[in-house]
Amino acid sequence: MDKNQLGVEYMQEGNWEEAAMAFNEAIEENPLDPVAYINFGNLLSALGDDEKALNFYQKAINLDENAAAAYYSIGNILFTQDLFNEAKNMFETAMKKGLESSDNYFMLGLTLVQLNQGRFALPYLQRSVELNEQDAEARFQYGLCLAQLELIDDAIVQLEKCIELDPSHSDAYYNLGVSYAFKENGVQALQMFNKALAIQPDHLLAGHAKKLLENNH
């Protein structure tokens, strides 16, 4: 088995040391292959060493400026550091370099939402869901973005799909409740707030919304 593949499997099992050894061997065997550097970077990032991880991603890009996955990985680190403009540039570059993954579209959409550019985020979140229909979190963020743009009926469809995929997604129930309240369907809104609270009793927003709704009736 390819050392890179082996390392990725070790990573998925949480076997960090074995993964590091496998990636190290991959780099020694083929020092001009950017993939091993990206994998090693991902390992370091997973272990919380973002500084070192960035060095490995940069090395991969130095070897191959079209190493799309490296730009995506740098974007993820920048996103966690709240450097949204810089992250956006990285996800866009990854896309231009040919990365057609649902994750990259999702992260680009999420970054644009953080930059208050929901209208621009929408097509990327939509594409993310099209490429991976089983991703509950992508459905949730897509639904949320639709709701923020007041496309309520479309938002309800996506939030309901999110709950089908992840029945314990309290935020999806809460936002469904808000959507139904927006459509002045108080009964259904209350049901959704109750479901959110059943899953997460300390869901402050759902608790507050429920009180408001009950006081108005």
Foldseek 3Di string as FASTA:
>chain_A
DQLQVVLVVCVVVVVLVSSLVSLVVNCVVPVLALSSLQSNLVSCVVVVNNVVSLVSLVSSCVSPVLPLSSLQVNLVVCVVVVVLVSSLVSLVSSVVSPPQALVSLLSNLVSCVSVVNLVVSQVSLVSSCVRPVLDLVSLQVNLVSCVVVVVLVSSLVSLVSSCVNPVLPLVSLQVNLVSCVVVVNLVSSLVSLVSSCVSPVVPPSSVVVNVVSVVVD
